[in-house]
């Protein structure tokens, strides 16, 4: 997701091609479409492709970037000075090399932020797994936690203990990415 989002964000921010602004407006419009609207067509598509009761419907849709991640990387690339790109072009760099060797090292704050957002979104997803996963052995953490509740009893002790354990990977990821996120916030307040 980070690879494709940053690539698309670079293309929308730095490259000039016909229909660029219209395509980007379509991405912005896609951010406004609720998940529930695309739920049934997406389910029918994955079922017809034979991916029901697999993890493929949970991985593939977000793998190529979400409209939000593309928008965020585009906005970050637009804040970088144009002189960096111009100097690289004078030195004979292609756009792919400019993106990979010049812009990506500068993107650590936005990459860290998107990593935390995407991991938390995928890890805490409950709606997707409950629609696509039918086998108990393939349940995600969130579905496993919900199995401690039924219509007659609820095991709140197990739900709370499981919730704390489920929170640990998100906290570890945030602690690992925190310095880059803070650096990005500090840099966004600087001028010139």
N, C-alpha and C. Protein backbone atom coordinates (compact mmCIF):
# COMPACT_ATOMS: atom_id res chain seq x y z
N UNK A 1 0.83 -1.19 0.00
CA UNK A 1 0.00 0.00 0.00
C UNK A 1 0.87 1.25 0.00
N UNK A 2 1.93 1.24 0.79
CA UNK A 2 2.80 2.40 0.86
C UNK A 2 3.51 2.64 -0.47
N UNK A 3 3.93 1.57 -1.11
CA UNK A 3 4.61 1.68 -2.39
C UNK A 3 3.70 2.31 -3.45
N UNK A 4 2.52 1.73 -3.62
CA UNK A 4 1.62 2.22 -4.67
C UNK A 4 1.04 3.60 -4.34
N UNK A 5 0.77 3.86 -3.07
CA UNK A 5 0.24 5.17 -2.69
C UNK A 5 1.26 6.27 -2.93
N UNK A 6 2.51 6.00 -2.57
CA UNK A 6 3.54 7.02 -2.78
C UNK A 6 3.82 7.22 -4.26
N UNK A 7 3.76 6.16 -5.03
CA UNK A 7 3.96 6.27 -6.48
C UNK A 7 2.84 7.09 -7.13
N UNK A 8 1.60 6.80 -6.75
CA UNK A 8 0.48 7.56 -7.29
C UNK A 8 0.49 9.00 -6.79
N UNK A 9 0.84 9.20 -5.52
CA UNK A 9 0.93 10.55 -4.98
C UNK A 9 1.98 11.38 -5.68
N UNK A 10 3.12 10.75 -6.00
CA UNK A 10 4.16 11.44 -6.76
C UNK A 10 3.67 11.82 -8.15
N UNK A 11 2.98 10.89 -8.80
CA UNK A 11 2.48 11.16 -10.15
C UNK A 11 1.48 12.31 -10.14
N UNK A 12 0.59 12.33 -9.16
CA UNK A 12 -0.41 13.41 -9.10
C UNK A 12 0.22 14.75 -8.70
N UNK A 13 1.28 14.71 -7.92
CA UNK A 13 1.88 15.96 -7.45
C UNK A 13 2.88 16.54 -8.43
N UNK A 14 3.68 15.69 -9.10
CA UNK A 14 4.82 16.19 -9.85
C UNK A 14 4.75 16.00 -11.36
N UNK A 15 4.00 15.05 -11.84
CA UNK A 15 3.96 14.79 -13.28
C UNK A 15 2.80 15.54 -13.92
N UNK A 16 3.00 15.95 -15.14
CA UNK A 16 1.95 16.62 -15.92
C UNK A 16 1.50 15.65 -17.01
N UNK A 17 0.25 15.24 -16.97
CA UNK A 17 -0.29 14.37 -18.02
C UNK A 17 -1.76 14.72 -18.23
N UNK A 18 -2.30 14.41 -19.40
CA UNK A 18 -3.68 14.77 -19.71
C UNK A 18 -4.66 14.08 -18.77
N UNK A 19 -5.59 14.86 -18.25
CA UNK A 19 -6.63 14.32 -17.37
C UNK A 19 -6.20 14.10 -15.94
N UNK A 20 -5.02 14.61 -15.57
CA UNK A 20 -4.51 14.40 -14.22
C UNK A 20 -5.47 14.93 -13.16
N UNK A 21 -5.94 16.15 -13.34
CA UNK A 21 -6.81 16.75 -12.33
C UNK A 21 -8.17 16.05 -12.26
N UNK A 22 -8.68 15.60 -13.41
CA UNK A 22 -9.96 14.88 -13.41
C UNK A 22 -9.84 13.53 -12.72
N UNK A 23 -8.74 12.84 -12.96
CA UNK A 23 -8.52 11.55 -12.30
C UNK A 23 -8.38 11.76 -10.79
N UNK A 24 -7.67 12.82 -10.40
CA UNK A 24 -7.51 13.09 -8.98
C UNK A 24 -8.85 13.45 -8.33
N UNK A 25 -9.69 14.16 -9.06
CA UNK A 25 -11.03 14.46 -8.53
C UNK A 25 -11.85 13.18 -8.34
N UNK A 26 -11.64 12.21 -9.21
CA UNK A 26 -12.32 10.91 -9.03
C UNK A 26 -11.84 10.23 -7.75
N UNK A 27 -10.54 10.35 -7.45
CA UNK A 27 -10.03 9.80 -6.20
C UNK A 27 -10.65 10.51 -5.00
N UNK A 28 -10.76 11.82 -5.08
CA UNK A 28 -11.39 12.55 -3.99
C UNK A 28 -12.86 12.16 -3.84
N UNK A 29 -13.54 11.97 -4.97
CA UNK A 29 -14.94 11.53 -4.91
C UNK A 29 -15.04 10.14 -4.31
N UNK A 30 -14.05 9.28 -4.58
CA UNK A 30 -14.05 7.93 -4.02
C UNK A 30 -13.91 7.96 -2.50
N UNK A 31 -13.27 9.00 -1.97
CA UNK A 31 -13.16 9.12 -0.51
C UNK A 31 -14.52 9.41 0.11
N UNK A 32 -15.42 9.99 -0.65
CA UNK A 32 -16.73 10.36 -0.11
C UNK A 32 -17.76 9.23 -0.20
N UNK A 33 -17.42 8.17 -0.93
CA UNK A 33 -18.35 7.05 -1.07
C UNK A 33 -18.22 6.16 0.16
N UNK A 34 -19.31 5.95 0.89
CA UNK A 34 -19.23 5.09 2.08
C UNK A 34 -18.92 3.65 1.71
N UNK A 35 -18.28 2.96 2.63
CA UNK A 35 -17.90 1.56 2.43
C UNK A 35 -19.13 0.68 2.18
N UNK A 36 -20.23 1.03 2.83
CA UNK A 36 -21.45 0.22 2.74
C UNK A 36 -22.01 0.19 1.32
N UNK A 37 -21.81 1.25 0.56
CA UNK A 37 -22.32 1.31 -0.81
C UNK A 37 -21.67 0.24 -1.68
N UNK A 38 -20.38 0.00 -1.50
CA UNK A 38 -19.65 -0.96 -2.33
C UNK A 38 -19.60 -2.36 -1.74
N UNK A 39 -20.27 -2.57 -0.63
CA UNK A 39 -20.18 -3.83 0.09
C UNK A 39 -20.72 -5.01 -0.72
N UNK A 40 -21.92 -4.92 -1.24
CA UNK A 40 -22.53 -6.04 -1.97
C UNK A 40 -21.82 -6.30 -3.29
N UNK A 41 -21.55 -5.27 -4.13
CA UNK A 41 -20.81 -5.58 -5.37
C UNK A 41 -19.43 -6.18 -5.11
N UNK A 42 -18.76 -5.71 -4.09
CA UNK A 42 -17.42 -6.25 -3.77
C UNK A 42 -17.54 -7.70 -3.32
N UNK A 43 -18.54 -7.99 -2.49
CA UNK A 43 -18.74 -9.37 -2.04
C UNK A 43 -19.05 -10.29 -3.23
N UNK A 44 -19.94 -9.87 -4.11
CA UNK A 44 -20.27 -10.68 -5.28
C UNK A 44 -19.05 -10.91 -6.18
N UNK A 45 -18.23 -9.88 -6.33
CA UNK A 45 -17.03 -10.01 -7.15
C UNK A 45 -16.07 -11.04 -6.56
N UNK A 46 -15.77 -10.93 -5.28
CA UNK A 46 -14.84 -11.87 -4.66
C UNK A 46 -15.41 -13.27 -4.57
N UNK A 47 -16.72 -13.38 -4.37
CA UNK A 47 -17.33 -14.71 -4.35
C UNK A 47 -17.23 -15.37 -5.72
N UNK A 48 -17.53 -14.61 -6.78
CA UNK A 48 -17.46 -15.16 -8.14
C UNK A 48 -16.03 -15.51 -8.55
N UNK A 49 -15.05 -14.80 -8.00
CA UNK A 49 -13.64 -15.11 -8.29
C UNK A 49 -13.14 -16.30 -7.47
N UNK A 50 -13.95 -16.78 -6.54
CA UNK A 50 -13.57 -17.94 -5.73
C UNK A 50 -12.75 -17.59 -4.51
N UNK A 51 -12.83 -16.36 -4.06
CA UNK A 51 -12.03 -15.93 -2.91
C UNK A 51 -12.84 -15.85 -1.62
N UNK A 52 -14.05 -16.38 -1.62
CA UNK A 52 -14.83 -16.39 -0.38
C UNK A 52 -14.17 -17.35 0.61
N UNK A 53 -14.13 -16.99 1.86
CA UNK A 53 -13.51 -17.74 2.95
C UNK A 53 -11.99 -17.84 2.79
N UNK A 54 -11.41 -16.78 2.23
CA UNK A 54 -9.96 -16.65 2.19
C UNK A 54 -9.60 -15.25 2.69
N UNK A 55 -8.33 -15.01 2.86
CA UNK A 55 -7.88 -13.68 3.30
C UNK A 55 -7.69 -12.70 2.14
N UNK A 56 -7.81 -13.17 0.92
CA UNK A 56 -7.58 -12.33 -0.27
C UNK A 56 -8.49 -11.09 -0.28
N UNK A 57 -9.81 -11.20 0.00
CA UNK A 57 -10.64 -9.98 -0.01
C UNK A 57 -10.26 -8.97 1.07
N UNK A 58 -9.55 -9.42 2.08
CA UNK A 58 -9.13 -8.51 3.15
C UNK A 58 -7.81 -7.81 2.81
N UNK A 59 -7.00 -8.43 1.97
CA UNK A 59 -5.67 -7.91 1.66
C UNK A 59 -5.66 -7.08 0.38
N UNK A 60 -6.23 -7.61 -0.68
CA UNK A 60 -6.09 -7.01 -2.01
C UNK A 60 -6.68 -5.60 -2.13
N UNK A 61 -7.89 -5.31 -1.61
CA UNK A 61 -8.44 -3.95 -1.83
C UNK A 61 -7.57 -2.82 -1.29
N UNK A 62 -6.93 -3.03 -0.18
CA UNK A 62 -6.10 -1.97 0.40
C UNK A 62 -4.66 -2.02 -0.08
N UNK A 63 -4.28 -3.09 -0.75
CA UNK A 63 -2.88 -3.26 -1.16
C UNK A 63 -2.43 -2.22 -2.18
N UNK A 64 -3.31 -1.79 -3.05
CA UNK A 64 -2.93 -0.86 -4.10
C UNK A 64 -3.16 0.60 -3.70
N UNK A 65 -3.41 0.84 -2.45
CA UNK A 65 -3.57 2.20 -1.97
C UNK A 65 -5.02 2.60 -1.85
N UNK A 66 -5.30 3.34 -0.82
CA UNK A 66 -6.64 3.87 -0.61
C UNK A 66 -6.65 5.31 -1.11
N UNK A 67 -7.83 5.84 -1.41
CA UNK A 67 -7.88 7.24 -1.83
C UNK A 67 -7.28 8.19 -0.79
N UNK A 68 -7.50 7.88 0.48
CA UNK A 68 -6.94 8.72 1.54
C UNK A 68 -5.41 8.71 1.53
N UNK A 69 -4.82 7.53 1.38
CA UNK A 69 -3.36 7.44 1.40
C UNK A 69 -2.75 8.12 0.17
N UNK A 70 -3.40 8.00 -0.97
CA UNK A 70 -2.91 8.67 -2.18
C UNK A 70 -3.02 10.18 -2.02
N UNK A 71 -4.13 10.64 -1.46
CA UNK A 71 -4.32 12.07 -1.22
C UNK A 71 -3.26 12.60 -0.26
N UNK A 72 -3.01 11.87 0.82
CA UNK A 72 -2.05 12.32 1.82
C UNK A 72 -0.63 12.38 1.25
N UNK A 73 -0.24 11.37 0.49
CA UNK A 73 1.11 11.40 -0.09
C UNK A 73 1.23 12.49 -1.15
N UNK A 74 0.17 12.71 -1.91
CA UNK A 74 0.20 13.79 -2.91
C UNK A 74 0.41 15.14 -2.22
N UNK A 75 -0.33 15.37 -1.17
CA UNK A 75 -0.21 16.64 -0.45
C UNK A 75 1.20 16.80 0.13
N UNK A 76 1.78 15.72 0.61
CA UNK A 76 3.14 15.80 1.15
C UNK A 76 4.15 16.10 0.04
N UNK A 77 4.02 15.44 -1.10
CA UNK A 77 4.94 15.69 -2.21
C UNK A 77 4.82 17.11 -2.74
N UNK A 78 3.66 17.69 -2.64
CA UNK A 78 3.48 19.07 -3.11
C UNK A 78 4.19 20.07 -2.21
N UNK A 79 4.46 19.69 -0.97
CA UNK A 79 5.16 20.61 -0.06
C UNK A 79 6.67 20.60 -0.26
N UNK A 80 7.19 19.57 -0.92
CA UNK A 80 8.63 19.49 -1.13
C UNK A 80 9.06 20.49 -2.20
N UNK A 81 10.24 21.10 -2.05
CA UNK A 81 10.67 22.12 -3.01
C UNK A 81 10.87 21.57 -4.42
N UNK A 82 10.42 22.34 -5.38
CA UNK A 82 10.55 21.94 -6.79
C UNK A 82 12.01 21.94 -7.24
N UNK A 83 12.85 22.68 -6.54
CA UNK A 83 14.26 22.74 -6.91
C UNK A 83 14.95 21.38 -6.80
N UNK A 84 14.51 20.55 -5.86
CA UNK A 84 15.09 19.20 -5.74
C UNK A 84 14.87 18.41 -7.01
N UNK A 85 13.65 18.46 -7.51
CA UNK A 85 13.31 17.74 -8.73
C UNK A 85 14.04 18.32 -9.95
N UNK A 86 14.09 19.64 -10.02
CA UNK A 86 14.76 20.28 -11.16
C UNK A 86 16.25 19.95 -11.18
N UNK A 87 16.90 19.96 -10.03
CA UNK A 87 18.33 19.63 -9.97
C UNK A 87 18.57 18.18 -10.38
N UNK A 88 17.68 17.29 -9.99
CA UNK A 88 17.83 15.89 -10.36
C UNK A 88 17.63 15.69 -11.86
N UNK A 89 16.70 16.43 -12.45
CA UNK A 89 16.47 16.32 -13.89
C UNK A 89 17.69 16.83 -14.65
N UNK A 90 18.28 17.93 -14.17
CA UNK A 90 19.49 18.45 -14.80
C UNK A 90 20.62 17.42 -14.73
N UNK A 91 20.68 16.66 -13.62
CA UNK A 91 21.70 15.62 -13.47
C UNK A 91 21.39 14.36 -14.27
N UNK A 92 20.23 14.31 -14.92
CA UNK A 92 19.90 13.18 -15.78
C UNK A 92 19.08 12.09 -15.12
N UNK A 93 18.44 12.37 -14.00
CA UNK A 93 17.62 11.37 -13.33
C UNK A 93 16.26 11.23 -14.01
N UNK A 94 15.75 10.01 -14.03
CA UNK A 94 14.39 9.78 -14.51
C UNK A 94 13.42 10.07 -13.36
N UNK A 95 12.14 10.12 -13.69
CA UNK A 95 11.15 10.39 -12.64
C UNK A 95 11.09 9.26 -11.62
N UNK A 96 11.29 8.03 -12.05
CA UNK A 96 11.28 6.91 -11.11
C UNK A 96 12.46 7.03 -10.13
N UNK A 97 13.62 7.41 -10.64
CA UNK A 97 14.79 7.56 -9.77
C UNK A 97 14.62 8.76 -8.83
N UNK A 98 14.02 9.84 -9.33
CA UNK A 98 13.75 11.00 -8.47
C UNK A 98 12.82 10.59 -7.33
N UNK A 99 11.76 9.85 -7.70
CA UNK A 99 10.81 9.40 -6.68
C UNK A 99 11.49 8.49 -5.66
N UNK A 100 12.27 7.54 -6.11
CA UNK A 100 12.82 6.54 -5.21
C UNK A 100 14.01 7.05 -4.40
N UNK A 101 14.93 7.80 -5.03
CA UNK A 101 16.16 8.17 -4.34
C UNK A 101 16.13 9.55 -3.69
N UNK A 102 15.23 10.42 -4.13
CA UNK A 102 15.21 11.77 -3.57
C UNK A 102 13.98 11.99 -2.70
N UNK A 103 12.80 11.66 -3.25
CA UNK A 103 11.58 11.97 -2.53
C UNK A 103 11.24 10.95 -1.43
N UNK A 104 11.47 9.67 -1.69
CA UNK A 104 11.11 8.66 -0.69
C UNK A 104 11.89 8.79 0.62
N UNK A 105 13.20 9.08 0.60
CA UNK A 105 13.88 9.29 1.88
C UNK A 105 13.33 10.49 2.67
N UNK A 106 12.78 11.47 1.97
CA UNK A 106 12.21 12.62 2.66
C UNK A 106 10.80 12.34 3.19
N UNK A 107 10.22 11.21 2.78
CA UNK A 107 8.83 10.89 3.11
C UNK A 107 8.68 10.04 4.37
N UNK A 108 9.71 9.89 5.15
CA UNK A 108 9.59 9.04 6.33
C UNK A 108 8.46 9.45 7.27
N UNK A 109 8.20 10.74 7.48
CA UNK A 109 7.07 11.09 8.35
C UNK A 109 5.71 10.65 7.79
N UNK A 110 5.49 10.85 6.50
CA UNK A 110 4.19 10.49 5.94
C UNK A 110 4.06 8.98 5.81
N UNK A 111 5.16 8.30 5.51
CA UNK A 111 5.14 6.83 5.42
C UNK A 111 4.85 6.23 6.80
N UNK A 112 5.46 6.78 7.84
CA UNK A 112 5.21 6.30 9.19
C UNK A 112 3.76 6.52 9.59
N UNK A 113 3.23 7.68 9.27
CA UNK A 113 1.84 7.98 9.60
C UNK A 113 0.90 7.03 8.87
N UNK A 114 1.13 6.84 7.58
CA UNK A 114 0.28 5.92 6.81
C UNK A 114 0.42 4.48 7.29
N UNK A 115 1.61 4.09 7.71
CA UNK A 115 1.81 2.74 8.24
C UNK A 115 0.95 2.51 9.46
N UNK A 116 0.96 3.46 10.38
CA UNK A 116 0.17 3.32 11.60
C UNK A 116 -1.32 3.33 11.26
N UNK A 117 -1.76 4.25 10.42
CA UNK A 117 -3.18 4.32 10.03
C UNK A 117 -3.65 3.05 9.36
N UNK A 118 -2.88 2.57 8.37
CA UNK A 118 -3.30 1.39 7.60
C UNK A 118 -3.27 0.14 8.46
N UNK A 119 -2.25 -0.01 9.28
CA UNK A 119 -2.18 -1.19 10.14
C UNK A 119 -3.35 -1.20 11.12
N UNK A 120 -3.62 -0.06 11.72
CA UNK A 120 -4.73 0.01 12.67
C UNK A 120 -6.06 -0.25 11.98
N UNK A 121 -6.24 0.29 10.81
CA UNK A 121 -7.48 0.08 10.06
C UNK A 121 -7.67 -1.38 9.68
N UNK A 122 -6.63 -2.01 9.19
CA UNK A 122 -6.73 -3.42 8.77
C UNK A 122 -6.83 -4.35 9.98
N UNK A 123 -6.08 -4.06 11.00
CA UNK A 123 -6.04 -4.91 12.19
C UNK A 123 -7.37 -4.85 12.96
N UNK A 124 -7.98 -3.69 13.01
CA UNK A 124 -9.23 -3.53 13.75
C UNK A 124 -10.47 -3.74 12.89
N UNK A 125 -10.29 -4.09 11.63
CA UNK A 125 -11.43 -4.29 10.74
C UNK A 125 -12.29 -5.44 11.24
N UNK A 126 -13.57 -5.18 11.39
CA UNK A 126 -14.50 -6.21 11.83
C UNK A 126 -15.49 -6.55 10.73
N UNK A 127 -15.90 -5.54 9.97
CA UNK A 127 -16.91 -5.74 8.94
C UNK A 127 -16.40 -6.65 7.81
N UNK A 128 -15.20 -6.41 7.32
CA UNK A 128 -14.66 -7.21 6.23
C UNK A 128 -14.54 -8.68 6.57
N UNK A 129 -13.89 -9.03 7.68
CA UNK A 129 -13.77 -10.45 8.03
C UNK A 129 -15.11 -11.13 8.29
N UNK A 130 -16.05 -10.42 8.86
CA UNK A 130 -17.33 -11.07 9.15
C UNK A 130 -18.12 -11.37 7.87
N UNK A 131 -17.81 -10.63 6.81
CA UNK A 131 -18.49 -10.87 5.53
C UNK A 131 -17.79 -11.96 4.74
N UNK A 132 -16.46 -11.95 4.70
CA UNK A 132 -15.71 -12.84 3.82
C UNK A 132 -15.21 -14.12 4.47
N UNK A 133 -15.12 -14.18 5.79
CA UNK A 133 -14.57 -15.35 6.47
C UNK A 133 -15.70 -16.15 7.10
N UNK A 134 -15.77 -17.44 6.80
CA UNK A 134 -16.82 -18.29 7.35
C UNK A 134 -16.27 -19.36 8.30
N UNK A 135 -15.03 -19.75 8.14
CA UNK A 135 -14.43 -20.81 8.94
C UNK A 135 -13.90 -20.24 10.25
N UNK A 136 -14.21 -20.92 11.36
CA UNK A 136 -13.76 -20.46 12.68
C UNK A 136 -12.23 -20.40 12.78
N UNK A 137 -11.54 -21.30 12.13
CA UNK A 137 -10.08 -21.34 12.22
C UNK A 137 -9.44 -20.14 11.54
N UNK A 138 -10.16 -19.44 10.67
CA UNK A 138 -9.60 -18.29 9.95
C UNK A 138 -10.02 -16.95 10.57
N UNK A 139 -10.70 -16.98 11.71
CA UNK A 139 -11.16 -15.74 12.35
C UNK A 139 -9.98 -14.82 12.64
N UNK A 140 -10.22 -13.53 12.48
CA UNK A 140 -9.23 -12.53 12.88
C UNK A 140 -9.36 -12.27 14.38
N UNK A 141 -8.48 -11.45 14.91
CA UNK A 141 -8.48 -11.15 16.35
C UNK A 141 -9.82 -10.52 16.76
N UNK A 142 -10.31 -9.60 15.96
CA UNK A 142 -11.55 -8.91 16.32
C UNK A 142 -12.75 -9.85 16.31
N UNK A 143 -12.77 -10.77 15.35
CA UNK A 143 -13.86 -11.76 15.32
C UNK A 143 -13.74 -12.72 16.50
N UNK A 144 -12.51 -13.06 16.86
CA UNK A 144 -12.31 -13.92 18.03
C UNK A 144 -12.79 -13.26 19.31
N UNK A 145 -12.53 -11.96 19.43
CA UNK A 145 -13.01 -11.24 20.62
C UNK A 145 -14.54 -11.20 20.66
N UNK A 146 -15.15 -11.04 19.49
CA UNK A 146 -16.63 -10.98 19.48
C UNK A 146 -17.24 -12.34 19.76
N UNK A 147 -16.47 -13.42 19.59
CA UNK A 147 -17.02 -14.75 19.88
C UNK A 147 -17.18 -14.99 21.38
N UNK A 148 -16.60 -14.14 22.22
CA UNK A 148 -16.79 -14.27 23.66
C UNK A 148 -18.15 -13.74 24.11
N UNK A 149 -18.90 -13.17 23.17
CA UNK A 149 -20.25 -12.67 23.47
C UNK A 149 -21.26 -13.48 22.69
N UNK A 150 -22.33 -13.84 23.34
CA UNK A 150 -23.46 -14.43 22.63
C UNK A 150 -24.74 -13.88 23.24
N UNK A 151 -25.87 -14.40 22.82
CA UNK A 151 -27.14 -13.82 23.25
C UNK A 151 -27.47 -14.14 24.70
N UNK A 152 -26.78 -15.10 25.31
CA UNK A 152 -27.11 -15.47 26.68
C UNK A 152 -26.08 -15.00 27.70
N UNK A 153 -24.80 -15.10 27.38
CA UNK A 153 -23.76 -14.68 28.33
C UNK A 153 -22.68 -13.89 27.60
N UNK A 154 -21.97 -13.13 28.39
CA UNK A 154 -20.80 -12.41 27.87
C UNK A 154 -19.66 -12.60 28.85
N UNK A 155 -18.52 -13.00 28.35
CA UNK A 155 -17.34 -13.19 29.19
C UNK A 155 -16.51 -11.91 29.14
N UNK A 156 -16.89 -10.94 29.97
CA UNK A 156 -16.22 -9.65 29.96
C UNK A 156 -14.75 -9.76 30.39
N UNK A 157 -14.45 -10.71 31.26
CA UNK A 157 -13.06 -10.88 31.67
C UNK A 157 -12.19 -11.30 30.48
N UNK A 158 -12.68 -12.20 29.66
CA UNK A 158 -11.93 -12.63 28.48
C UNK A 158 -11.90 -11.55 27.41
N UNK A 159 -12.99 -10.80 27.27
CA UNK A 159 -13.03 -9.72 26.29
C UNK A 159 -12.02 -8.64 26.66
N UNK A 160 -11.95 -8.25 27.92
CA UNK A 160 -11.00 -7.21 28.34
C UNK A 160 -9.55 -7.69 28.23
N UNK A 161 -9.29 -8.93 28.63
CA UNK A 161 -7.93 -9.46 28.53
C UNK A 161 -7.51 -9.57 27.05
N UNK A 162 -8.41 -10.04 26.22
CA UNK A 162 -8.12 -10.14 24.78
C UNK A 162 -7.92 -8.78 24.14
N UNK A 163 -8.70 -7.79 24.60
CA UNK A 163 -8.56 -6.44 24.05
C UNK A 163 -7.20 -5.84 24.38
N UNK A 164 -6.74 -6.07 25.59
CA UNK A 164 -5.41 -5.57 25.97
C UNK A 164 -4.33 -6.26 25.14
N UNK A 165 -4.44 -7.56 24.96
CA UNK A 165 -3.46 -8.28 24.14
C UNK A 165 -3.52 -7.85 22.68
N UNK A 166 -4.73 -7.56 22.19
CA UNK A 166 -4.88 -7.13 20.80
C UNK A 166 -4.33 -5.72 20.59
N UNK A 167 -4.24 -4.95 21.64
CA UNK A 167 -3.73 -3.58 21.55
C UNK A 167 -2.21 -3.52 21.46
N UNK A 168 -1.53 -4.54 21.91
CA UNK A 168 -0.06 -4.54 21.98
C UNK A 168 0.61 -4.30 20.62
N UNK A 169 0.23 -4.99 19.53
CA UNK A 169 0.91 -4.72 18.25
C UNK A 169 0.75 -3.29 17.76
N UNK A 170 -0.40 -2.68 17.99
CA UNK A 170 -0.61 -1.30 17.56
C UNK A 170 0.28 -0.36 18.37
N UNK A 171 0.40 -0.60 19.66
CA UNK A 171 1.26 0.24 20.50
C UNK A 171 2.72 0.10 20.09
N UNK A 172 3.16 -1.12 19.81
CA UNK A 172 4.55 -1.34 19.39
C UNK A 172 4.83 -0.62 18.08
N UNK A 173 3.91 -0.73 17.12
CA UNK A 173 4.10 -0.04 15.84
C UNK A 173 4.13 1.47 16.02
N UNK A 174 3.25 2.01 16.86
CA UNK A 174 3.24 3.45 17.08
C UNK A 174 4.53 3.92 17.74
N UNK A 175 5.03 3.17 18.71
CA UNK A 175 6.27 3.56 19.38
C UNK A 175 7.44 3.54 18.38
N UNK A 176 7.46 2.55 17.48
CA UNK A 176 8.52 2.48 16.48
C UNK A 176 8.45 3.64 15.49
N UNK A 177 7.26 4.09 15.15
CA UNK A 177 7.09 5.15 14.15
C UNK A 177 6.95 6.54 14.76
N UNK A 178 6.91 6.64 16.08
CA UNK A 178 6.61 7.90 16.75
C UNK A 178 7.60 9.01 16.41
N UNK A 179 8.89 8.72 16.36
CA UNK A 179 9.86 9.80 16.12
C UNK A 179 9.69 10.40 14.73
N UNK A 180 9.31 9.58 13.74
CA UNK A 180 9.09 10.11 12.39
C UNK A 180 7.80 10.93 12.32
N UNK A 181 6.78 10.48 13.04
CA UNK A 181 5.51 11.22 13.05
C UNK A 181 5.70 12.57 13.72
N UNK A 182 6.41 12.60 14.84
CA UNK A 182 6.67 13.87 15.54
C UNK A 182 7.54 14.78 14.68
N UNK A 183 8.53 14.22 14.00
CA UNK A 183 9.38 15.01 13.11
C UNK A 183 8.55 15.63 11.98
N UNK A 184 7.60 14.88 11.45
CA UNK A 184 6.73 15.41 10.39
C UNK A 184 5.85 16.54 10.89
N UNK A 185 5.35 16.40 12.11
CA UNK A 185 4.52 17.48 12.68
C UNK A 185 5.37 18.71 12.93
N UNK A 186 6.59 18.52 13.43
CA UNK A 186 7.47 19.65 13.70
C UNK A 186 7.88 20.35 12.40
N UNK A 187 8.13 19.57 11.34
CA UNK A 187 8.54 20.16 10.06
C UNK A 187 7.40 20.89 9.39
N UNK A 188 6.16 20.46 9.63
CA UNK A 188 5.03 21.10 8.96
C UNK A 188 4.79 22.51 9.48
N UNK A 189 5.30 22.81 10.68
CA UNK A 189 5.12 24.14 11.23
C UNK A 189 6.20 25.13 10.85
N UNK A 190 7.26 24.64 10.19
CA UNK A 190 8.38 25.51 9.82
C UNK A 190 8.12 26.20 8.48
N UNK A 191 8.65 27.38 8.35
CA UNK A 191 8.56 28.11 7.07
C UNK A 191 9.94 28.24 6.47
N UNK A 192 9.95 28.19 5.11
CA UNK A 192 11.17 28.43 4.36
C UNK A 192 12.26 27.55 4.80
